[in-house]
Amino acid sequence: RETRVMSEDELKLRIVWTISCLIAASARHYLVEDLVRNLKTIDNLVVSDESDQGKLHMNREMLEEMR
């Protein structure tokens, strides 16, 4: 099996991409948390990003736990 070694630039790009994803996930978490606490009547929630790469599904139990 062949092992591929990343260049320094590729590694830096992956690190920046990972940090960017974590920041975006954190922002979505706080947005969803605020939304869920303020909208007591929702039974389920689906949130996706613009490119549809990430999707969050929450059912009634998950929403209640977050509230």
N, C-alpha and C. Protein backbone atom coordinates (compact mmCIF):
# COMPACT_ATOMS: atom_id res chain seq x y z
N ARG A 1 0.84 -1.18 0.00
CA ARG A 1 0.00 0.00 0.00
C ARG A 1 0.88 1.24 0.00
N GLU A 2 0.56 2.18 -0.87
CA GLU A 2 1.37 3.38 -1.03
C GLU A 2 0.95 4.46 -0.03
N THR A 3 1.92 5.07 0.60
CA THR A 3 1.65 6.14 1.55
C THR A 3 1.97 7.48 0.88
N ARG A 4 1.04 8.41 0.99
CA ARG A 4 1.23 9.73 0.40
C ARG A 4 1.62 10.71 1.50
N VAL A 5 2.66 11.46 1.27
CA VAL A 5 3.11 12.46 2.23
C VAL A 5 2.65 13.82 1.74
N MET A 6 2.00 14.58 2.64
CA MET A 6 1.53 15.91 2.27
C MET A 6 2.67 16.91 2.31
N SER A 7 2.60 17.86 1.41
CA SER A 7 3.57 18.94 1.45
C SER A 7 3.22 19.88 2.61
N GLU A 8 4.15 20.74 2.94
CA GLU A 8 3.92 21.69 4.03
C GLU A 8 2.74 22.60 3.72
N ASP A 9 2.62 23.04 2.47
CA ASP A 9 1.51 23.90 2.07
C ASP A 9 0.17 23.18 2.16
N GLU A 10 0.14 21.91 1.75
CA GLU A 10 -1.10 21.12 1.86
C GLU A 10 -1.52 20.96 3.32
N LEU A 11 -0.55 20.71 4.17
CA LEU A 11 -0.82 20.54 5.60
C LEU A 11 -1.36 21.84 6.19
N LYS A 12 -0.75 22.96 5.84
CA LYS A 12 -1.23 24.27 6.32
C LYS A 12 -2.65 24.53 5.86
N LEU A 13 -2.93 24.21 4.60
CA LEU A 13 -4.27 24.40 4.05
C LEU A 13 -5.29 23.54 4.80
N ARG A 14 -4.94 22.31 5.08
CA ARG A 14 -5.85 21.42 5.83
C ARG A 14 -6.09 21.94 7.25
N ILE A 15 -5.06 22.46 7.88
CA ILE A 15 -5.21 22.99 9.24
C ILE A 15 -6.13 24.21 9.22
N VAL A 16 -5.92 25.12 8.27
CA VAL A 16 -6.77 26.31 8.16
C VAL A 16 -8.21 25.89 7.87
N TRP A 17 -8.41 24.92 6.97
CA TRP A 17 -9.74 24.43 6.64
C TRP A 17 -10.42 23.82 7.87
N THR A 18 -9.67 23.03 8.64
CA THR A 18 -10.22 22.40 9.84
C THR A 18 -10.64 23.44 10.86
N ILE A 19 -9.79 24.43 11.09
CA ILE A 19 -10.11 25.49 12.05
C ILE A 19 -11.34 26.27 11.58
N SER A 20 -11.40 26.56 10.29
CA SER A 20 -12.55 27.26 9.72
C SER A 20 -13.84 26.47 9.93
N CYS A 21 -13.78 25.17 9.72
CA CYS A 21 -14.95 24.31 9.93
C CYS A 21 -15.39 24.30 11.39
N LEU A 22 -14.43 24.26 12.30
CA LEU A 22 -14.76 24.27 13.73
C LEU A 22 -15.39 25.59 14.14
N ILE A 23 -14.89 26.70 13.62
CA ILE A 23 -15.47 28.01 13.93
C ILE A 23 -16.90 28.09 13.39
N ALA A 24 -17.11 27.61 12.17
CA ALA A 24 -18.45 27.62 11.58
C ALA A 24 -19.40 26.73 12.37
N ALA A 25 -18.93 25.57 12.80
CA ALA A 25 -19.77 24.66 13.60
C ALA A 25 -20.14 25.30 14.93
N SER A 26 -19.20 25.99 15.54
CA SER A 26 -19.48 26.66 16.81
C SER A 26 -20.52 27.76 16.62
N ALA A 27 -20.39 28.53 15.57
CA ALA A 27 -21.36 29.59 15.28
C ALA A 27 -22.74 29.01 15.04
N ARG A 28 -22.82 27.90 14.28
CA ARG A 28 -24.11 27.25 14.04
C ARG A 28 -24.72 26.74 15.33
N HIS A 29 -23.88 26.20 16.21
CA HIS A 29 -24.37 25.68 17.48
C HIS A 29 -25.06 26.78 18.28
N TYR A 30 -24.42 27.93 18.42
CA TYR A 30 -25.01 29.02 19.19
C TYR A 30 -26.26 29.58 18.52
N LEU A 31 -26.26 29.63 17.20
CA LEU A 31 -27.44 30.08 16.47
C LEU A 31 -28.61 29.13 16.69
N VAL A 32 -28.35 27.83 16.55
CA VAL A 32 -29.40 26.82 16.74
C VAL A 32 -29.87 26.81 18.18
N GLU A 33 -28.95 26.92 19.12
CA GLU A 33 -29.32 26.92 20.53
C GLU A 33 -30.28 28.07 20.84
N ASP A 34 -29.97 29.26 20.34
CA ASP A 34 -30.84 30.42 20.56
C ASP A 34 -32.19 30.21 19.88
N LEU A 35 -32.18 29.70 18.68
CA LEU A 35 -33.41 29.44 17.94
C LEU A 35 -34.30 28.44 18.67
N VAL A 36 -33.72 27.34 19.12
CA VAL A 36 -34.47 26.28 19.79
C VAL A 36 -35.08 26.79 21.10
N ARG A 37 -34.34 27.58 21.84
CA ARG A 37 -34.86 28.09 23.11
C ARG A 37 -36.01 29.07 22.91
N ASN A 38 -35.98 29.81 21.81
CA ASN A 38 -37.01 30.82 21.56
C ASN A 38 -38.24 30.28 20.84
N LEU A 39 -38.10 29.20 20.11
CA LEU A 39 -39.23 28.62 19.37
C LEU A 39 -39.65 27.32 20.03
N LYS A 40 -40.55 27.41 20.96
CA LYS A 40 -40.96 26.24 21.75
C LYS A 40 -41.87 25.28 20.98
N THR A 41 -42.41 25.72 19.85
CA THR A 41 -43.40 24.89 19.15
C THR A 41 -42.80 23.98 18.08
N ILE A 42 -41.51 24.08 17.79
CA ILE A 42 -40.95 23.22 16.74
C ILE A 42 -40.73 21.80 17.27
N ASP A 43 -41.02 20.82 16.42
CA ASP A 43 -40.87 19.41 16.79
C ASP A 43 -39.62 18.77 16.21
N ASN A 44 -39.13 19.31 15.09
CA ASN A 44 -37.87 18.83 14.53
C ASN A 44 -37.20 19.97 13.79
N LEU A 45 -35.92 19.81 13.57
CA LEU A 45 -35.14 20.88 12.96
C LEU A 45 -34.09 20.27 12.04
N VAL A 46 -33.96 20.83 10.84
CA VAL A 46 -32.91 20.42 9.91
C VAL A 46 -32.20 21.69 9.46
N VAL A 47 -30.89 21.73 9.66
CA VAL A 47 -30.08 22.88 9.27
C VAL A 47 -28.95 22.37 8.39
N SER A 48 -28.73 23.04 7.26
CA SER A 48 -27.60 22.66 6.40
C SER A 48 -26.85 23.92 5.99
N ASP A 49 -25.60 23.73 5.58
CA ASP A 49 -24.83 24.86 5.11
C ASP A 49 -25.14 25.13 3.64
N GLU A 50 -24.61 26.23 3.14
CA GLU A 50 -24.92 26.66 1.79
C GLU A 50 -24.55 25.62 0.73
N SER A 51 -23.44 24.93 0.94
CA SER A 51 -22.99 23.94 -0.03
C SER A 51 -23.52 22.54 0.27
N ASP A 52 -24.34 22.42 1.30
CA ASP A 52 -24.97 21.16 1.69
C ASP A 52 -23.95 20.08 2.09
N GLN A 53 -22.79 20.53 2.58
CA GLN A 53 -21.77 19.57 3.03
C GLN A 53 -22.07 19.07 4.43
N GLY A 54 -22.63 19.93 5.24
CA GLY A 54 -22.94 19.55 6.61
C GLY A 54 -24.42 19.71 6.87
N LYS A 55 -24.99 18.79 7.62
CA LYS A 55 -26.42 18.85 7.91
C LYS A 55 -26.64 18.45 9.36
N LEU A 56 -27.50 19.18 10.04
CA LEU A 56 -27.86 18.89 11.42
C LEU A 56 -29.33 18.52 11.44
N HIS A 57 -29.63 17.36 12.00
CA HIS A 57 -31.01 16.91 12.17
C HIS A 57 -31.26 16.79 13.67
N MET A 58 -32.34 17.41 14.15
CA MET A 58 -32.70 17.28 15.56
C MET A 58 -34.16 16.87 15.66
N ASN A 59 -34.42 15.80 16.41
CA ASN A 59 -35.79 15.37 16.63
C ASN A 59 -36.31 16.01 17.93
N ARG A 60 -37.53 15.68 18.30
CA ARG A 60 -38.17 16.29 19.47
C ARG A 60 -37.35 16.09 20.75
N GLU A 61 -36.85 14.88 20.95
CA GLU A 61 -36.06 14.60 22.16
C GLU A 61 -34.79 15.45 22.22
N MET A 62 -34.12 15.57 21.10
CA MET A 62 -32.90 16.38 21.05
C MET A 62 -33.19 17.85 21.31
N LEU A 63 -34.30 18.33 20.75
CA LEU A 63 -34.69 19.72 20.96
C LEU A 63 -35.01 19.98 22.43
N GLU A 64 -35.73 19.06 23.05
CA GLU A 64 -36.06 19.21 24.47
C GLU A 64 -34.80 19.20 25.33
N GLU A 65 -33.85 18.35 24.98
CA GLU A 65 -32.60 18.28 25.73
C GLU A 65 -31.83 19.60 25.62
N MET A 66 -31.87 20.22 24.46
CA MET A 66 -31.16 21.49 24.27
C MET A 66 -31.84 22.63 25.01
N ARG A 67 -33.17 22.56 25.11
CA ARG A 67 -33.91 23.62 25.80
C ARG A 67 -33.58 23.59 27.27
